[in-house]
Amino acid sequence: MAVLRACHSTSAKGNETADLVHDLLNGGTLNEKEAQQLALFSMQTAHRDVAIAPMGLFKMDMAFVLSFCSTVVMYVVMLLQFKTA
């Protein structure tokens, strides 16, 4: 559970990167090359979600915990129904 919480908070902070880059671009204290590089990075971060996904199979976030718990409850209910039948 601690690993999932860490992955979720890391992903959330990573998604805030786009806002920080936009703030830097709007600050106006950058030279031309830095502004160009930050603009390119800004476009990449704006269109991609930062997520930790082991081997690309699933995202490690709180939605995964909810999905996992609901699956376990569903299987327990099914087992109880077959046991009483």
PDB file of N, CA and C in Angstrom:
ATOM      1  N   MET A   1       0.822  -1.188   0.000  1.00  0.00           N
ATOM      2  CA  MET A   1       0.000   0.000   0.000  1.00  0.00           C
ATOM      3  C   MET A   1       0.874   1.263   0.000  1.00  0.00           C
ATOM      4  N   ALA A   2       1.977   1.211   0.741  1.00  0.00           N
ATOM      5  CA  ALA A   2       2.873   2.366   0.779  1.00  0.00           C
ATOM      6  C   ALA A   2       3.502   2.606  -0.581  1.00  0.00           C
ATOM      7  N   VAL A   3       3.808   1.536  -1.298  1.00  0.00           N
ATOM      8  CA  VAL A   3       4.392   1.672  -2.635  1.00  0.00           C
ATOM      9  C   VAL A   3       3.392   2.331  -3.577  1.00  0.00           C
ATOM     10  N   LEU A   4       2.126   1.916  -3.486  1.00  0.00           N
ATOM     11  CA  LEU A   4       1.108   2.513  -4.348  1.00  0.00           C
ATOM     12  C   LEU A   4       0.901   3.990  -4.030  1.00  0.00           C
ATOM     13  N   ARG A   5       0.918   4.334  -2.757  1.00  0.00           N
ATOM     14  CA  ARG A   5       0.757   5.738  -2.376  1.00  0.00           C
ATOM     15  C   ARG A   5       1.932   6.566  -2.904  1.00  0.00           C
ATOM     16  N   ALA A   6       3.135   6.015  -2.814  1.00  0.00           N
ATOM     17  CA  ALA A   6       4.310   6.722  -3.331  1.00  0.00           C
ATOM     18  C   ALA A   6       4.233   6.889  -4.842  1.00  0.00           C
ATOM     19  N   CYS A   7       3.802   5.860  -5.540  1.00  0.00           N
ATOM     20  CA  CYS A   7       3.661   5.952  -7.004  1.00  0.00           C
ATOM     21  C   CYS A   7       2.598   6.970  -7.381  1.00  0.00           C
ATOM     22  N   HIS A   8       1.495   6.980  -6.640  1.00  0.00           N
ATOM     23  CA  HIS A   8       0.420   7.930  -6.931  1.00  0.00           C
ATOM     24  C   HIS A   8       0.887   9.371  -6.711  1.00  0.00           C
ATOM     25  N   SER A   9       1.564   9.629  -5.591  1.00  0.00           N
ATOM     26  CA  SER A   9       2.012  10.995  -5.327  1.00  0.00           C
ATOM     27  C   SER A   9       3.108  11.430  -6.298  1.00  0.00           C
ATOM     28  N   THR A  10       3.961  10.498  -6.702  1.00  0.00           N
ATOM     29  CA  THR A  10       4.993  10.817  -7.695  1.00  0.00           C
ATOM     30  C   THR A  10       4.365  11.170  -9.035  1.00  0.00           C
ATOM     31  N   SER A  11       3.351  10.423  -9.439  1.00  0.00           N
ATOM     32  CA  SER A  11       2.653  10.721 -10.693  1.00  0.00           C
ATOM     33  C   SER A  11       1.954  12.069 -10.619  1.00  0.00           C
ATOM     34  N   ALA A  12       1.346  12.365  -9.476  1.00  0.00           N
ATOM     35  CA  ALA A  12       0.655  13.649  -9.324  1.00  0.00           C
ATOM     36  C   ALA A  12       1.641  14.808  -9.420  1.00  0.00           C
ATOM     37  N   LYS A  13       2.795  14.679  -8.784  1.00  0.00           N
ATOM     38  CA  LYS A  13       3.811  15.730  -8.869  1.00  0.00           C
ATOM     39  C   LYS A  13       4.367  15.849 -10.284  1.00  0.00           C
ATOM     40  N   GLY A  14       4.511  14.718 -10.961  1.00  0.00           N
ATOM     41  CA  GLY A  14       4.989  14.749 -12.339  1.00  0.00           C
ATOM     42  C   GLY A  14       4.023  15.453 -13.269  1.00  0.00           C
ATOM     43  N   ASN A  15       2.728  15.309 -12.999  1.00  0.00           N
ATOM     44  CA  ASN A  15       1.728  15.982 -13.831  1.00  0.00           C
ATOM     45  C   ASN A  15       1.693  17.486 -13.574  1.00  0.00           C
ATOM     46  N   GLU A  16       2.236  17.945 -12.455  1.00  0.00           N
ATOM     47  CA  GLU A  16       2.321  19.378 -12.177  1.00  0.00           C
ATOM     48  C   GLU A  16       3.481  20.042 -12.928  1.00  0.00           C
ATOM     49  N   THR A  17       4.322  19.254 -13.548  1.00  0.00           N
ATOM     50  CA  THR A  17       5.486  19.781 -14.254  1.00  0.00           C
ATOM     51  C   THR A  17       5.084  20.730 -15.375  1.00  0.00           C
ATOM     52  N   ALA A  18       4.005  20.407 -16.067  1.00  0.00           N
ATOM     53  CA  ALA A  18       3.567  21.255 -17.178  1.00  0.00           C
ATOM     54  C   ALA A  18       3.242  22.661 -16.689  1.00  0.00           C
ATOM     55  N   ASP A  19       2.600  22.778 -15.534  1.00  0.00           N
ATOM     56  CA  ASP A  19       2.273  24.099 -14.992  1.00  0.00           C
ATOM     57  C   ASP A  19       3.534  24.877 -14.631  1.00  0.00           C
ATOM     58  N   LEU A  20       4.511  24.184 -14.055  1.00  0.00           N
ATOM     59  CA  LEU A  20       5.764  24.853 -13.699  1.00  0.00           C
ATOM     60  C   LEU A  20       6.514  25.336 -14.932  1.00  0.00           C
ATOM     61  N   VAL A  21       6.509  24.533 -15.977  1.00  0.00           N
ATOM     62  CA  VAL A  21       7.192  24.921 -17.216  1.00  0.00           C
ATOM     63  C   VAL A  21       6.501  26.129 -17.838  1.00  0.00           C
ATOM     64  N   HIS A  22       5.169  26.140 -17.810  1.00  0.00           N
ATOM     65  CA  HIS A  22       4.440  27.295 -18.349  1.00  0.00           C
ATOM     66  C   HIS A  22       4.749  28.557 -17.551  1.00  0.00           C
ATOM     67  N   ASP A  23       4.861  28.426 -16.235  1.00  0.00           N
ATOM     68  CA  ASP A  23       5.227  29.582 -15.410  1.00  0.00           C
ATOM     69  C   ASP A  23       6.611  30.104 -15.780  1.00  0.00           C
ATOM     70  N   LEU A  24       7.552  29.187 -16.026  1.00  0.00           N
ATOM     71  CA  LEU A  24       8.897  29.610 -16.441  1.00  0.00           C
ATOM     72  C   LEU A  24       8.874  30.309 -17.790  1.00  0.00           C
ATOM     73  N   LEU A  25       8.073  29.785 -18.712  1.00  0.00           N
ATOM     74  CA  LEU A  25       7.997  30.407 -20.040  1.00  0.00           C
ATOM     75  C   LEU A  25       7.366  31.795 -19.964  1.00  0.00           C
ATOM     76  N   ASN A  26       6.399  31.970 -19.099  1.00  0.00           N
ATOM     77  CA  ASN A  26       5.735  33.267 -18.989  1.00  0.00           C
ATOM     78  C   ASN A  26       6.546  34.267 -18.175  1.00  0.00           C
ATOM     79  N   GLY A  27       7.570  33.787 -17.467  1.00  0.00           N
ATOM     80  CA  GLY A  27       8.413  34.670 -16.661  1.00  0.00           C
ATOM     81  C   GLY A  27       9.233  35.633 -17.501  1.00  0.00           C
ATOM     82  N   GLY A  28       9.689  35.190 -18.663  1.00  0.00           N
ATOM     83  CA  GLY A  28      10.404  36.066 -19.580  1.00  0.00           C
ATOM     84  C   GLY A  28      11.868  36.297 -19.274  1.00  0.00           C
ATOM     85  N   THR A  29      12.483  35.527 -18.380  1.00  0.00           N
ATOM     86  CA  THR A  29      13.895  35.741 -18.064  1.00  0.00           C
ATOM     87  C   THR A  29      14.784  34.697 -18.724  1.00  0.00           C
ATOM     88  N   LEU A  30      14.332  34.124 -19.807  1.00  0.00           N
ATOM     89  CA  LEU A  30      15.072  33.063 -20.487  1.00  0.00           C
ATOM     90  C   LEU A  30      15.640  33.588 -21.796  1.00  0.00           C
ATOM     91  N   ASN A  31      16.770  33.009 -22.201  1.00  0.00           N
ATOM     92  CA  ASN A  31      17.281  33.357 -23.520  1.00  0.00           C
ATOM     93  C   ASN A  31      16.524  32.544 -24.574  1.00  0.00           C
ATOM     94  N   GLU A  32      16.822  32.786 -25.832  1.00  0.00           N
ATOM     95  CA  GLU A  32      16.048  32.187 -26.931  1.00  0.00           C
ATOM     96  C   GLU A  32      16.138  30.662 -26.942  1.00  0.00           C
ATOM     97  N   LYS A  33      17.338  30.122 -26.750  1.00  0.00           N
ATOM     98  CA  LYS A  33      17.509  28.662 -26.794  1.00  0.00           C
ATOM     99  C   LYS A  33      16.785  27.994 -25.629  1.00  0.00           C
ATOM    100  N   GLU A  34      16.878  28.563 -24.428  1.00  0.00           N
ATOM    101  CA  GLU A  34      16.187  27.995 -23.270  1.00  0.00           C
ATOM    102  C   GLU A  34      14.680  28.034 -23.463  1.00  0.00           C
ATOM    103  N   ALA A  35      14.178  29.144 -23.989  1.00  0.00           N
ATOM    104  CA  ALA A  35      12.742  29.271 -24.236  1.00  0.00           C
ATOM    105  C   ALA A  35      12.276  28.256 -25.264  1.00  0.00           C
ATOM    106  N   GLN A  36      13.087  28.015 -26.290  1.00  0.00           N
ATOM    107  CA  GLN A  36      12.725  27.041 -27.322  1.00  0.00           C
ATOM    108  C   GLN A  36      12.696  25.626 -26.735  1.00  0.00           C
ATOM    109  N   GLN A  37      13.693  25.290 -25.935  1.00  0.00           N
ATOM    110  CA  GLN A  37      13.736  23.963 -25.314  1.00  0.00           C
ATOM    111  C   GLN A  37      12.573  23.770 -24.346  1.00  0.00           C
ATOM    112  N   LEU A  38      12.275  24.796 -23.553  1.00  0.00           N
ATOM    113  CA  LEU A  38      11.153  24.696 -22.618  1.00  0.00           C
ATOM    114  C   LEU A  38       9.817  24.622 -23.340  1.00  0.00           C
ATOM    115  N   ALA A  39       9.683  25.299 -24.463  1.00  0.00           N
ATOM    116  CA  ALA A  39       8.448  25.217 -25.242  1.00  0.00           C
ATOM    117  C   ALA A  39       8.248  23.801 -25.777  1.00  0.00           C
ATOM    118  N   LEU A  40       9.310  23.190 -26.253  1.00  0.00           N
ATOM    119  CA  LEU A  40       9.227  21.807 -26.735  1.00  0.00           C
ATOM    120  C   LEU A  40       8.878  20.860 -25.596  1.00  0.00           C
ATOM    121  N   PHE A  41       9.542  21.036 -24.453  1.00  0.00           N
ATOM    122  CA  PHE A  41       9.250  20.199 -23.296  1.00  0.00           C
ATOM    123  C   PHE A  41       7.825  20.418 -22.802  1.00  0.00           C
ATOM    124  N   SER A  42       7.362  21.648 -22.869  1.00  0.00           N
ATOM    125  CA  SER A  42       6.005  21.974 -22.448  1.00  0.00           C
ATOM    126  C   SER A  42       4.973  21.253 -23.305  1.00  0.00           C
ATOM    127  N   MET A  43       5.207  21.208 -24.601  1.00  0.00           N
ATOM    128  CA  MET A  43       4.277  20.506 -25.486  1.00  0.00           C
ATOM    129  C   MET A  43       4.267  19.015 -25.199  1.00  0.00           C
ATOM    130  N   GLN A  44       5.415  18.447 -24.879  1.00  0.00           N
ATOM    131  CA  GLN A  44       5.479  17.023 -24.565  1.00  0.00           C
ATOM    132  C   GLN A  44       4.779  16.712 -23.251  1.00  0.00           C
ATOM    133  N   THR A  45       4.982  17.536 -22.232  1.00  0.00           N
ATOM    134  CA  THR A  45       4.364  17.257 -20.935  1.00  0.00           C
ATOM    135  C   THR A  45       2.873  17.546 -20.930  1.00  0.00           C
ATOM    136  N   ALA A  46       2.429  18.464 -21.776  1.00  0.00           N
ATOM    137  CA  ALA A  46       1.006  18.794 -21.811  1.00  0.00           C
ATOM    138  C   ALA A  46       0.180  17.663 -22.418  1.00  0.00           C
ATOM    139  N   HIS A  47       0.773  16.882 -23.290  1.00  0.00           N
ATOM    140  CA  HIS A  47       0.014  15.853 -24.005  1.00  0.00           C
ATOM    141  C   HIS A  47       0.255  14.449 -23.482  1.00  0.00           C
ATOM    142  N   ARG A  48       1.057  14.311 -22.454  1.00  0.00           N
ATOM    143  CA  ARG A  48       1.323  12.983 -21.881  1.00  0.00           C
ATOM    144  C   ARG A  48       1.008  12.980 -20.403  1.00  0.00           C
ATOM    145  N   ASP A  49       0.436  11.888 -19.948  1.00  0.00           N
ATOM    146  CA  ASP A  49       0.171  11.706 -18.529  1.00  0.00           C
ATOM    147  C   ASP A  49       1.372  11.018 -17.898  1.00  0.00           C
ATOM    148  N   VAL A  50       1.848  11.550 -16.796  1.00  0.00           N
ATOM    149  CA  VAL A  50       2.952  10.923 -16.080  1.00  0.00           C
ATOM    150  C   VAL A  50       2.360   9.840 -15.191  1.00  0.00           C
ATOM    151  N   ALA A  51       2.776   8.607 -15.412  1.00  0.00           N
ATOM    152  CA  ALA A  51       2.264   7.494 -14.613  1.00  0.00           C
ATOM    153  C   ALA A  51       3.345   6.426 -14.503  1.00  0.00           C
ATOM    154  N   ILE A  52       3.340   5.741 -13.386  1.00  0.00           N
ATOM    155  CA  ILE A  52       4.252   4.622 -13.183  1.00  0.00           C
ATOM    156  C   ILE A  52       3.492   3.360 -13.536  1.00  0.00           C
ATOM    157  N   ALA A  53       3.945   2.672 -14.559  1.00  0.00           N
ATOM    158  CA  ALA A  53       3.268   1.469 -15.044  1.00  0.00           C
ATOM    159  C   ALA A  53       4.305   0.367 -15.225  1.00  0.00           C
ATOM    160  N   PRO A  54       4.305  -0.624 -14.321  1.00  0.00           N
ATOM    161  CA  PRO A  54       5.282  -1.702 -14.447  1.00  0.00           C
ATOM    162  C   PRO A  54       5.068  -2.505 -15.732  1.00  0.00           C
ATOM    163  N   MET A  55       6.074  -2.494 -16.558  1.00  0.00           N
ATOM    164  CA  MET A  55       6.069  -3.189 -17.851  1.00  0.00           C
ATOM    165  C   MET A  55       4.896  -2.760 -18.735  1.00  0.00           C
ATOM    166  N   GLY A  56       4.313  -1.602 -18.461  1.00  0.00           N
ATOM    167  CA  GLY A  56       3.217  -1.081 -19.262  1.00  0.00           C
ATOM    168  C   GLY A  56       1.897  -1.805 -19.079  1.00  0.00           C
ATOM    169  N   LEU A  57       1.768  -2.620 -18.047  1.00  0.00           N
ATOM    170  CA  LEU A  57       0.554  -3.417 -17.869  1.00  0.00           C
ATOM    171  C   LEU A  57      -0.577  -2.646 -17.197  1.00  0.00           C
ATOM    172  N   PHE A  58      -0.284  -1.890 -16.164  1.00  0.00           N
ATOM    173  CA  PHE A  58      -1.299  -1.134 -15.447  1.00  0.00           C
ATOM    174  C   PHE A  58      -0.635   0.039 -14.751  1.00  0.00           C
ATOM    175  N   LYS A  59      -1.422   1.065 -14.470  1.00  0.00           N
ATOM    176  CA  LYS A  59      -0.904   2.234 -13.773  1.00  0.00           C
ATOM    177  C   LYS A  59      -0.945   1.995 -12.276  1.00  0.00           C
ATOM    178  N   MET A  60       0.131   2.349 -11.618  1.00  0.00           N
ATOM    179  CA  MET A  60       0.215   2.200 -10.163  1.00  0.00           C
ATOM    180  C   MET A  60      -0.316   3.480  -9.516  1.00  0.00           C
ATOM    181  N   ASP A  61      -1.628   3.515  -9.283  1.00  0.00           N
ATOM    182  CA  ASP A  61      -2.224   4.658  -8.614  1.00  0.00           C
ATOM    183  C   ASP A  61      -3.383   4.190  -7.751  1.00  0.00           C
ATOM    184  N   MET A  62      -4.092   5.121  -7.166  1.00  0.00           N
ATOM    185  CA  MET A  62      -5.171   4.760  -6.250  1.00  0.00           C
ATOM    186  C   MET A  62      -6.352   4.106  -6.977  1.00  0.00           C
ATOM    187  N   ALA A  63      -6.519   4.384  -8.261  1.00  0.00           N
ATOM    188  CA  ALA A  63      -7.571   3.711  -9.023  1.00  0.00           C
ATOM    189  C   ALA A  63      -7.282   2.213  -9.108  1.00  0.00           C
ATOM    190  N   PHE A  64      -6.009   1.846  -9.163  1.00  0.00           N
ATOM    191  CA  PHE A  64      -5.640   0.432  -9.169  1.00  0.00           C
ATOM    192  C   PHE A  64      -6.034  -0.236  -7.856  1.00  0.00           C
ATOM    193  N   VAL A  65      -5.841   0.464  -6.739  1.00  0.00           N
ATOM    194  CA  VAL A  65      -6.216  -0.086  -5.432  1.00  0.00           C
ATOM    195  C   VAL A  65      -7.724  -0.333  -5.384  1.00  0.00           C
ATOM    196  N   LEU A  66      -8.498   0.632  -5.843  1.00  0.00           N
ATOM    197  CA  LEU A  66      -9.950   0.478  -5.861  1.00  0.00           C
ATOM    198  C   LEU A  66     -10.374  -0.683  -6.747  1.00  0.00           C
ATOM    199  N   SER A  67      -9.774  -0.798  -7.903  1.00  0.00           N
ATOM    200  CA  SER A  67     -10.088  -1.888  -8.814  1.00  0.00           C
ATOM    201  C   SER A  67      -9.720  -3.242  -8.210  1.00  0.00           C
ATOM    202  N   PHE A  68      -8.557  -3.313  -7.588  1.00  0.00           N
ATOM    203  CA  PHE A  68      -8.113  -4.557  -6.970  1.00  0.00           C
ATOM    204  C   PHE A  68      -9.043  -4.978  -5.838  1.00  0.00           C
ATOM    205  N   CYS A  69      -9.394  -4.027  -4.982  1.00  0.00           N
ATOM    206  CA  CYS A  69     -10.287  -4.339  -3.853  1.00  0.00           C
ATOM    207  C   CYS A  69     -11.668  -4.763  -4.332  1.00  0.00           C
ATOM    208  N   SER A  70     -12.195  -4.106  -5.347  1.00  0.00           N
ATOM    209  CA  SER A  70     -13.513  -4.488  -5.856  1.00  0.00           C
ATOM    210  C   SER A  70     -13.478  -5.872  -6.494  1.00  0.00           C
ATOM    211  N   THR A  71     -12.380  -6.226  -7.132  1.00  0.00           N
ATOM    212  CA  THR A  71     -12.243  -7.560  -7.708  1.00  0.00           C
ATOM    213  C   THR A  71     -12.200  -8.622  -6.621  1.00  0.00           C
ATOM    214  N   VAL A  72     -11.468  -8.360  -5.556  1.00  0.00           N
ATOM    215  CA  VAL A  72     -11.391  -9.315  -4.449  1.00  0.00           C
ATOM    216  C   VAL A  72     -12.765  -9.502  -3.811  1.00  0.00           C
ATOM    217  N   VAL A  73     -13.477  -8.414  -3.587  1.00  0.00           N
ATOM    218  CA  VAL A  73     -14.817  -8.517  -2.995  1.00  0.00           C
ATOM    219  C   VAL A  73     -15.748  -9.297  -3.911  1.00  0.00           C
ATOM    220  N   MET A  74     -15.673  -9.074  -5.207  1.00  0.00           N
ATOM    221  CA  MET A  74     -16.526  -9.790  -6.144  1.00  0.00           C
ATOM    222  C   MET A  74     -16.250 -11.291  -6.093  1.00  0.00           C
ATOM    223  N   TYR A  75     -14.996 -11.694  -6.071  1.00  0.00           N
ATOM    224  CA  TYR A  75     -14.670 -13.113  -6.008  1.00  0.00           C
ATOM    225  C   TYR A  75     -15.086 -13.735  -4.678  1.00  0.00           C
ATOM    226  N   VAL A  76     -14.975 -13.006  -3.589  1.00  0.00           N
ATOM    227  CA  VAL A  76     -15.414 -13.532  -2.289  1.00  0.00           C
ATOM    228  C   VAL A  76     -16.930 -13.740  -2.295  1.00  0.00           C
ATOM    229  N   VAL A  77     -17.669 -12.786  -2.845  1.00  0.00           N
ATOM    230  CA  VAL A  77     -19.129 -12.934  -2.941  1.00  0.00           C
ATOM    231  C   VAL A  77     -19.481 -14.140  -3.798  1.00  0.00           C
ATOM    232  N   MET A  78     -18.784 -14.321  -4.902  1.00  0.00           N
ATOM    233  CA  MET A  78     -19.054 -15.487  -5.760  1.00  0.00           C
ATOM    234  C   MET A  78     -18.757 -16.789  -5.027  1.00  0.00           C
ATOM    235  N   LEU A  79     -17.654 -16.837  -4.296  1.00  0.00           N
ATOM    236  CA  LEU A  79     -17.311 -18.044  -3.541  1.00  0.00           C
ATOM    237  C   LEU A  79     -18.364 -18.332  -2.468  1.00  0.00           C
ATOM    238  N   LEU A  80     -18.847 -17.314  -1.799  1.00  0.00           N
ATOM    239  CA  LEU A  80     -19.887 -17.506  -0.785  1.00  0.00           C
ATOM    240  C   LEU A  80     -21.188 -17.999  -1.408  1.00  0.00           C
ATOM    241  N   GLN A  81     -21.506 -17.503  -2.594  1.00  0.00           N
ATOM    242  CA  GLN A  81     -22.735 -17.956  -3.267  1.00  0.00           C
ATOM    243  C   GLN A  81     -22.617 -19.415  -3.679  1.00  0.00           C
ATOM    244  N   PHE A  82     -21.474 -19.822  -4.179  1.00  0.00           N
ATOM    245  CA  PHE A  82     -21.305 -21.233  -4.568  1.00  0.00           C
ATOM    246  C   PHE A  82     -21.240 -22.141  -3.343  1.00  0.00           C
ATOM    247  N   LYS A  83     -20.740 -21.644  -2.254  1.00  0.00           N
ATOM    248  CA  LYS A  83     -20.648 -22.444  -1.028  1.00  0.00           C
ATOM    249  C   LYS A  83     -22.027 -22.702  -0.463  1.00  0.00           C
ATOM    250  N   THR A  84     -22.939 -21.742  -0.534  1.00  0.00           N
ATOM    251  CA  THR A  84     -24.280 -21.914   0.001  1.00  0.00           C
ATOM    252  C   THR A  84     -25.195 -22.671  -0.956  1.00  0.00           C
ATOM    253  N   ALA A  85     -24.849 -22.783  -2.203  1.00  0.00           N
ATOM    254  CA  ALA A  85     -25.711 -23.468  -3.185  1.00  0.00           C
ATOM    255  C   ALA A  85     -25.567 -24.964  -3.125  1.00  0.00           C
TER     256      ALA A  85
END
